[in-house]
Amino acid sequence: MVQRTYERVVSLIKKKIEDGDYKPLSRLPAERELASHFDVSRTTVREALLALEAARLIEIRDRSGAYVMPNQNDDISLLQAIKSTPGPYEVLQMRRLIEGEACFLVASNASEQSLSRIVQANKANAAVPPDDTPEFHEATRAFHMSIAHASENSLFPELLDFLWEQKSGKLWEGWYRGTRSLKNRLKVVDNNQEITDALTARRPQAARTAMQYHIDWMIARFLSY
């Protein structure tokens, strides 16, 4: 099995904690400094920090940085389980490719019935009460899956279903908890409307761009946490 880049960074930071280079309650170096030190991208460092936080080895504090937990939990099985899953950036990167192309195909070839289902899924998503997080999550998933199914390529919904399932993993919990807000939810609704408008207008390039913009916004949200 190919080792994910962030797994290597997790192991290196964990060793520095164990060796006392990063002491309990101390603040880890900034992400850019860690990225330079380990010769990886900032997104890889972010994925590694999320894995370490999920394993309760560090705590990420909003706009403050990452801190070593005072009582180290050396749960190797938990950390191994976390490291065996794709990182959020990897998932979003693949979604950008797959869903962008699906939008292009749907705008080019989809039936009116398929487009109508997308419109209805978008309306249902936008109608979810602001405080109902689980329902909003499921309605958003239904919207994206309606586009994948409308592509009439069976691999698109299969791949998207797999990628969407990754969002229930521990690597995503801290990120969602730290970035969930009414402002971000409204932005999702706006982005979905832009995607829907481009699809129903049968503008393939605009539809692809709208979806890619949405995923790029998600990636920026990931990096802002």
C-alpha atoms as a PDB file:
ATOM      1  CA  MET A   1       0.000   0.000   0.000  1.00  0.00           C
ATOM      2  CA  VAL A   2       1.306   3.450  -0.934  1.00  0.00           C
ATOM      3  CA  GLN A   3       1.956   5.632   2.100  1.00  0.00           C
ATOM      4  CA  ARG A   4       0.085   8.922   2.026  1.00  0.00           C
ATOM      5  CA  THR A   5       2.324  11.952   2.372  1.00  0.00           C
ATOM      6  CA  TYR A   6       0.555  13.212   5.476  1.00  0.00           C
ATOM      7  CA  GLU A   7       1.171   9.841   7.197  1.00  0.00           C
ATOM      8  CA  ARG A   8       4.914  10.469   7.069  1.00  0.00           C
ATOM      9  CA  VAL A   9       4.455  13.917   8.601  1.00  0.00           C
ATOM     10  CA  VAL A  10       2.244  12.444  11.343  1.00  0.00           C
ATOM     11  CA  SER A  11       5.006   9.979  12.228  1.00  0.00           C
ATOM     12  CA  LEU A  12       7.694  12.670  12.233  1.00  0.00           C
ATOM     13  CA  ILE A  13       5.735  15.073  14.452  1.00  0.00           C
ATOM     14  CA  LYS A  14       4.721  12.229  16.778  1.00  0.00           C
ATOM     15  CA  LYS A  15       8.382  11.267  17.169  1.00  0.00           C
ATOM     16  CA  LYS A  16       9.333  14.853  17.991  1.00  0.00           C
ATOM     17  CA  ILE A  17       6.645  14.869  20.686  1.00  0.00           C
ATOM     18  CA  GLU A  18       7.891  11.553  22.075  1.00  0.00           C
ATOM     19  CA  ASP A  19      11.513  12.761  22.008  1.00  0.00           C
ATOM     20  CA  GLY A  20      10.596  15.933  23.901  1.00  0.00           C
ATOM     21  CA  ASP A  21      11.347  18.325  21.047  1.00  0.00           C
ATOM     22  CA  TYR A  22       7.715  19.450  21.244  1.00  0.00           C
ATOM     23  CA  LYS A  23       6.853  19.498  24.947  1.00  0.00           C
ATOM     24  CA  PRO A  24       3.390  19.125  26.540  1.00  0.00           C
ATOM     25  CA  LEU A  25       1.320  22.339  26.328  1.00  0.00           C
ATOM     26  CA  SER A  26       3.849  23.909  23.944  1.00  0.00           C
ATOM     27  CA  ARG A  27       2.772  25.413  20.649  1.00  0.00           C
ATOM     28  CA  LEU A  28       3.927  23.632  17.517  1.00  0.00           C
ATOM     29  CA  PRO A  29       5.746  25.678  14.867  1.00  0.00           C
ATOM     30  CA  ALA A  30       3.491  27.444  12.363  1.00  0.00           C
ATOM     31  CA  GLU A  31       2.168  25.375   9.475  1.00  0.00           C
ATOM     32  CA  ARG A  32       4.358  27.130   6.914  1.00  0.00           C
ATOM     33  CA  GLU A  33       7.419  26.458   9.058  1.00  0.00           C
ATOM     34  CA  LEU A  34       6.487  22.789   9.420  1.00  0.00           C
ATOM     35  CA  ALA A  35       5.867  22.554   5.672  1.00  0.00           C
ATOM     36  CA  SER A  36       9.314  23.973   4.971  1.00  0.00           C
ATOM     37  CA  HIS A  37      10.974  21.766   7.592  1.00  0.00           C
ATOM     38  CA  PHE A  38       9.419  18.541   6.282  1.00  0.00           C
ATOM     39  CA  ASP A  39       9.555  19.654   2.621  1.00  0.00           C
ATOM     40  CA  VAL A  40       5.838  19.158   2.011  1.00  0.00           C
ATOM     41  CA  SER A  41       2.880  21.372   1.145  1.00  0.00           C
ATOM     42  CA  ARG A  42       0.872  23.263   3.736  1.00  0.00           C
ATOM     43  CA  THR A  43      -2.163  21.134   2.893  1.00  0.00           C
ATOM     44  CA  THR A  44      -0.192  18.008   3.815  1.00  0.00           C
ATOM     45  CA  VAL A  45       0.769  19.581   7.148  1.00  0.00           C
ATOM     46  CA  ARG A  46      -2.878  20.492   7.775  1.00  0.00           C
ATOM     47  CA  GLU A  47      -3.983  16.908   7.142  1.00  0.00           C
ATOM     48  CA  ALA A  48      -1.258  15.627   9.479  1.00  0.00           C
ATOM     49  CA  LEU A  49      -2.325  18.025  12.238  1.00  0.00           C
ATOM     50  CA  LEU A  50      -5.966  16.970  11.874  1.00  0.00           C
ATOM     51  CA  ALA A  51      -4.904  13.332  12.237  1.00  0.00           C
ATOM     52  CA  LEU A  52      -2.860  14.126  15.345  1.00  0.00           C
ATOM     53  CA  GLU A  53      -5.766  16.086  16.819  1.00  0.00           C
ATOM     54  CA  ALA A  54      -8.191  13.234  16.125  1.00  0.00           C
ATOM     55  CA  ALA A  55      -5.758  10.918  17.941  1.00  0.00           C
ATOM     56  CA  ARG A  56      -5.762  13.386  20.869  1.00  0.00           C
ATOM     57  CA  LEU A  57      -2.036  14.086  20.623  1.00  0.00           C
ATOM     58  CA  ILE A  58      -2.485  17.790  19.876  1.00  0.00           C
ATOM     59  CA  GLU A  59      -5.207  20.422  20.048  1.00  0.00           C
ATOM     60  CA  ILE A  60      -5.838  22.905  17.236  1.00  0.00           C
ATOM     61  CA  ARG A  61      -7.032  26.249  18.580  1.00  0.00           C
ATOM     62  CA  ASP A  62      -8.800  28.696  16.296  1.00  0.00           C
ATOM     63  CA  ARG A  63      -6.405  31.417  15.100  1.00  0.00           C
ATOM     64  CA  SER A  64      -3.856  30.376  17.698  1.00  0.00           C
ATOM     65  CA  GLY A  65      -2.181  27.256  16.355  1.00  0.00           C
ATOM     66  CA  ALA A  66      -1.632  23.647  17.401  1.00  0.00           C
ATOM     67  CA  TYR A  67      -0.628  22.698  20.945  1.00  0.00           C
ATOM     68  CA  VAL A  68       0.732  19.447  22.362  1.00  0.00           C
ATOM     69  CA  MET A  69      -1.755  17.822  24.716  1.00  0.00           C
ATOM     70  CA  PRO A  70      -0.565  17.545  28.354  1.00  0.00           C
ATOM     71  CA  ASN A  71      -1.567  13.900  28.745  1.00  0.00           C
ATOM     72  CA  GLN A  72      -0.451  11.895  25.755  1.00  0.00           C
ATOM     73  CA  ASN A  73      -2.810   9.171  24.606  1.00  0.00           C
ATOM     74  CA  ASP A  74      -0.625   6.543  22.974  1.00  0.00           C
ATOM     75  CA  ASP A  75      -3.496   4.738  21.264  1.00  0.00           C
ATOM     76  CA  ILE A  76      -1.609   3.226  18.347  1.00  0.00           C
ATOM     77  CA  SER A  77      -4.668   1.456  16.933  1.00  0.00           C
ATOM     78  CA  LEU A  78      -6.638   4.717  16.839  1.00  0.00           C
ATOM     79  CA  LEU A  79      -3.844   6.581  15.079  1.00  0.00           C
ATOM     80  CA  GLN A  80      -3.352   3.742  12.590  1.00  0.00           C
ATOM     81  CA  ALA A  81      -7.070   3.738  11.790  1.00  0.00           C
ATOM     82  CA  ILE A  82      -6.984   7.482  11.195  1.00  0.00           C
ATOM     83  CA  LYS A  83      -3.878   7.281   9.019  1.00  0.00           C
ATOM     84  CA  SER A  84      -5.476   4.601   6.841  1.00  0.00           C
ATOM     85  CA  THR A  85      -8.053   7.062   5.466  1.00  0.00           C
ATOM     86  CA  PRO A  86      -7.611   9.655   2.704  1.00  0.00           C
ATOM     87  CA  GLY A  87      -6.990  13.197   3.908  1.00  0.00           C
ATOM     88  CA  PRO A  88      -9.603  15.941   3.358  1.00  0.00           C
ATOM     89  CA  TYR A  89      -7.468  17.720   0.765  1.00  0.00           C
ATOM     90  CA  GLU A  90      -7.040  14.501  -1.230  1.00  0.00           C
ATOM     91  CA  VAL A  91     -10.795  13.936  -1.158  1.00  0.00           C
ATOM     92  CA  LEU A  92     -11.632  17.501  -2.170  1.00  0.00           C
ATOM     93  CA  GLN A  93      -9.040  17.421  -4.936  1.00  0.00           C
ATOM     94  CA  MET A  94     -10.636  14.293  -6.403  1.00  0.00           C
ATOM     95  CA  ARG A  95     -14.122  15.728  -6.023  1.00  0.00           C
ATOM     96  CA  ARG A  96     -13.005  18.807  -7.958  1.00  0.00           C
ATOM     97  CA  LEU A  97     -11.923  16.630 -10.871  1.00  0.00           C
ATOM     98  CA  ILE A  98     -14.876  14.240 -10.841  1.00  0.00           C
ATOM     99  CA  GLU A  99     -17.704  16.660 -10.116  1.00  0.00           C
ATOM    100  CA  GLY A 100     -16.364  19.334 -12.436  1.00  0.00           C
ATOM    101  CA  GLU A 101     -16.402  16.867 -15.327  1.00  0.00           C
ATOM    102  CA  ALA A 102     -19.814  15.529 -14.292  1.00  0.00           C
ATOM    103  CA  CYS A 103     -21.219  19.067 -14.475  1.00  0.00           C
ATOM    104  CA  PHE A 104     -19.762  19.511 -17.960  1.00  0.00           C
ATOM    105  CA  LEU A 105     -21.429  16.294 -19.152  1.00  0.00           C
ATOM    106  CA  VAL A 106     -24.756  17.089 -17.496  1.00  0.00           C
ATOM    107  CA  ALA A 107     -24.951  20.574 -18.999  1.00  0.00           C
ATOM    108  CA  SER A 108     -24.096  19.095 -22.396  1.00  0.00           C
ATOM    109  CA  ASN A 109     -26.281  16.004 -22.499  1.00  0.00           C
ATOM    110  CA  ALA A 110     -28.694  15.590 -19.572  1.00  0.00           C
ATOM    111  CA  SER A 111     -32.408  15.102 -20.149  1.00  0.00           C
ATOM    112  CA  GLU A 112     -34.912  17.690 -18.985  1.00  0.00           C
ATOM    113  CA  GLN A 113     -36.141  15.184 -16.404  1.00  0.00           C
ATOM    114  CA  SER A 114     -32.638  14.845 -14.942  1.00  0.00           C
ATOM    115  CA  LEU A 115     -32.218  18.610 -14.818  1.00  0.00           C
ATOM    116  CA  SER A 116     -35.577  18.893 -13.066  1.00  0.00           C
ATOM    117  CA  ARG A 117     -34.389  16.463 -10.379  1.00  0.00           C
ATOM    118  CA  ILE A 118     -31.276  18.585  -9.842  1.00  0.00           C
ATOM    119  CA  VAL A 119     -33.411  21.721  -9.495  1.00  0.00           C
ATOM    120  CA  GLN A 120     -35.643  20.003  -6.940  1.00  0.00           C
ATOM    121  CA  ALA A 121     -32.637  18.706  -4.984  1.00  0.00           C
ATOM    122  CA  ASN A 122     -31.194  22.216  -4.908  1.00  0.00           C
ATOM    123  CA  LYS A 123     -34.476  23.672  -3.642  1.00  0.00           C
ATOM    124  CA  ALA A 124     -34.697  21.005  -0.938  1.00  0.00           C
ATOM    125  CA  ASN A 125     -31.142  21.771   0.147  1.00  0.00           C
ATOM    126  CA  ALA A 126     -31.805  25.507   0.368  1.00  0.00           C
ATOM    127  CA  ALA A 127     -35.022  24.937   2.345  1.00  0.00           C
ATOM    128  CA  VAL A 128     -33.349  23.116   5.252  1.00  0.00           C
ATOM    129  CA  PRO A 129     -33.611  25.119   8.528  1.00  0.00           C
ATOM    130  CA  PRO A 130     -30.289  26.839   9.367  1.00  0.00           C
ATOM    131  CA  ASP A 131     -29.910  24.976  12.658  1.00  0.00           C
ATOM    132  CA  ASP A 132     -30.486  21.466  11.257  1.00  0.00           C
ATOM    133  CA  THR A 133     -26.931  20.347  10.498  1.00  0.00           C
ATOM    134  CA  PRO A 134     -27.608  16.611   9.837  1.00  0.00           C
ATOM    135  CA  GLU A 135     -30.475  17.332   7.436  1.00  0.00           C
ATOM    136  CA  PHE A 136     -28.437  19.997   5.628  1.00  0.00           C
ATOM    137  CA  HIS A 137     -25.564  17.548   5.224  1.00  0.00           C
ATOM    138  CA  GLU A 138     -27.858  14.902   3.723  1.00  0.00           C
ATOM    139  CA  ALA A 139     -29.630  17.403   1.468  1.00  0.00           C
ATOM    140  CA  THR A 140     -26.292  18.685   0.192  1.00  0.00           C
ATOM    141  CA  ARG A 141     -25.205  15.137  -0.519  1.00  0.00           C
ATOM    142  CA  ALA A 142     -28.465  14.477  -2.391  1.00  0.00           C
ATOM    143  CA  PHE A 143     -27.861  17.575  -4.539  1.00  0.00           C
ATOM    144  CA  HIS A 144     -24.362  16.483  -5.533  1.00  0.00           C
ATOM    145  CA  MET A 145     -25.490  12.899  -6.134  1.00  0.00           C
ATOM    146  CA  SER A 146     -28.325  14.123  -8.378  1.00  0.00           C
ATOM    147  CA  ILE A 147     -25.698  15.707 -10.625  1.00  0.00           C
ATOM    148  CA  ALA A 148     -23.572  12.559 -10.631  1.00  0.00           C
ATOM    149  CA  HIS A 149     -26.566  10.408 -11.600  1.00  0.00           C
ATOM    150  CA  ALA A 150     -27.600  12.872 -14.316  1.00  0.00           C
ATOM    151  CA  SER A 151     -24.234  12.358 -16.016  1.00  0.00           C
ATOM    152  CA  GLU A 152     -25.495   8.895 -17.071  1.00  0.00           C
ATOM    153  CA  ASN A 153     -22.062   7.458 -16.309  1.00  0.00           C
ATOM    154  CA  SER A 154     -22.432   4.884 -13.537  1.00  0.00           C
ATOM    155  CA  LEU A 155     -18.890   5.457 -12.291  1.00  0.00           C
ATOM    156  CA  PHE A 156     -19.557   9.067 -11.295  1.00  0.00           C
ATOM    157  CA  PRO A 157     -22.118   8.274  -8.547  1.00  0.00           C
ATOM    158  CA  GLU A 158     -20.052   5.292  -7.368  1.00  0.00           C
ATOM    159  CA  LEU A 159     -16.893   7.380  -7.028  1.00  0.00           C
ATOM    160  CA  LEU A 160     -18.710  10.321  -5.460  1.00  0.00           C
ATOM    161  CA  ASP A 161     -20.466   8.058  -2.973  1.00  0.00           C
ATOM    162  CA  PHE A 162     -17.086   6.683  -1.858  1.00  0.00           C
ATOM    163  CA  LEU A 163     -15.575  10.165  -1.559  1.00  0.00           C
ATOM    164  CA  TRP A 164     -18.591  11.505   0.334  1.00  0.00           C
ATOM    165  CA  GLU A 165     -18.377   8.648   2.831  1.00  0.00           C
ATOM    166  CA  GLN A 166     -14.908   9.839   3.803  1.00  0.00           C
ATOM    167  CA  LYS A 167     -16.513  12.953   5.319  1.00  0.00           C
ATOM    168  CA  SER A 168     -17.805  10.875   8.222  1.00  0.00           C
ATOM    169  CA  GLY A 169     -14.253  10.036   9.303  1.00  0.00           C
ATOM    170  CA  LYS A 170     -12.351  11.463  12.244  1.00  0.00           C
ATOM    171  CA  LEU A 171     -10.109  13.631  10.067  1.00  0.00           C
ATOM    172  CA  TRP A 172     -13.144  15.725   9.150  1.00  0.00           C
ATOM    173  CA  GLU A 173     -14.689  16.110  12.614  1.00  0.00           C
ATOM    174  CA  GLY A 174     -12.374  18.812  13.929  1.00  0.00           C
ATOM    175  CA  TRP A 175     -12.408  20.734  10.680  1.00  0.00           C
ATOM    176  CA  TYR A 176     -16.201  20.818  10.482  1.00  0.00           C
ATOM    177  CA  ARG A 177     -16.497  21.696  14.147  1.00  0.00           C
ATOM    178  CA  GLY A 178     -14.076  24.589  13.711  1.00  0.00           C
ATOM    179  CA  THR A 179     -15.522  26.028  10.489  1.00  0.00           C
ATOM    180  CA  ARG A 180     -19.254  25.313  10.721  1.00  0.00           C
ATOM    181  CA  SER A 181     -21.221  28.575  10.671  1.00  0.00           C
ATOM    182  CA  LEU A 182     -24.361  30.156   9.236  1.00  0.00           C
ATOM    183  CA  LYS A 183     -22.175  32.237   6.917  1.00  0.00           C
ATOM    184  CA  ASN A 184     -20.543  29.131   5.453  1.00  0.00           C
ATOM    185  CA  ARG A 185     -23.870  27.352   5.119  1.00  0.00           C
ATOM    186  CA  LEU A 186     -25.337  30.280   3.182  1.00  0.00           C
ATOM    187  CA  LYS A 187     -22.267  30.263   0.954  1.00  0.00           C
ATOM    188  CA  VAL A 188     -22.888  26.593   0.156  1.00  0.00           C
ATOM    189  CA  VAL A 189     -26.474  27.446  -0.807  1.00  0.00           C
ATOM    190  CA  ASP A 190     -25.278  30.299  -3.045  1.00  0.00           C
ATOM    191  CA  ASN A 191     -22.667  28.099  -4.700  1.00  0.00           C
ATOM    192  CA  ASN A 192     -25.206  25.357  -5.343  1.00  0.00           C
ATOM    193  CA  GLN A 193     -27.533  27.875  -6.967  1.00  0.00           C
ATOM    194  CA  GLU A 194     -24.731  29.033  -9.284  1.00  0.00           C
ATOM    195  CA  ILE A 195     -24.090  25.422 -10.263  1.00  0.00           C
ATOM    196  CA  THR A 196     -27.794  24.770 -10.856  1.00  0.00           C
ATOM    197  CA  ASP A 197     -28.222  27.910 -12.956  1.00  0.00           C
ATOM    198  CA  ALA A 198     -25.311  26.950 -15.208  1.00  0.00           C
ATOM    199  CA  LEU A 199     -26.612  23.399 -15.609  1.00  0.00           C
ATOM    200  CA  THR A 200     -30.167  24.406 -16.482  1.00  0.00           C
ATOM    201  CA  ALA A 201     -28.849  27.030 -18.918  1.00  0.00           C
ATOM    202  CA  ARG A 202     -26.883  24.194 -20.545  1.00  0.00           C
ATOM    203  CA  ARG A 203     -23.587  26.025 -20.293  1.00  0.00           C
ATOM    204  CA  PRO A 204     -21.028  23.208 -19.901  1.00  0.00           C
ATOM    205  CA  GLN A 205     -17.923  25.275 -19.204  1.00  0.00           C
ATOM    206  CA  ALA A 206     -19.771  27.580 -16.800  1.00  0.00           C
ATOM    207  CA  ALA A 207     -21.184  24.552 -14.958  1.00  0.00           C
ATOM    208  CA  ARG A 208     -17.753  22.964 -14.629  1.00  0.00           C
ATOM    209  CA  THR A 209     -16.270  26.265 -13.432  1.00  0.00           C
ATOM    210  CA  ALA A 210     -19.069  26.794 -10.891  1.00  0.00           C
ATOM    211  CA  MET A 211     -18.476  23.357  -9.380  1.00  0.00           C
ATOM    212  CA  GLN A 212     -14.711  23.815  -9.348  1.00  0.00           C
ATOM    213  CA  TYR A 213     -15.148  27.213  -7.683  1.00  0.00           C
ATOM    214  CA  HIS A 214     -17.283  25.582  -4.993  1.00  0.00           C
ATOM    215  CA  ILE A 215     -14.670  22.909  -4.288  1.00  0.00           C
ATOM    216  CA  ASP A 216     -11.891  25.527  -4.329  1.00  0.00           C
ATOM    217  CA  TRP A 217     -13.861  27.461  -1.709  1.00  0.00           C
ATOM    218  CA  MET A 218     -14.084  24.291   0.379  1.00  0.00           C
ATOM    219  CA  ILE A 219     -10.317  23.838   0.106  1.00  0.00           C
ATOM    220  CA  ALA A 220      -9.757  27.453   1.189  1.00  0.00           C
ATOM    221  CA  ARG A 221     -12.100  26.833   4.132  1.00  0.00           C
ATOM    222  CA  PHE A 222     -10.041  23.749   4.992  1.00  0.00           C
ATOM    223  CA  LEU A 223      -6.841  25.798   5.034  1.00  0.00           C
ATOM    224  CA  SER A 224      -8.375  28.629   7.069  1.00  0.00           C
ATOM    225  CA  TYR A 225      -9.152  26.409  10.089  1.00  0.00           C
END
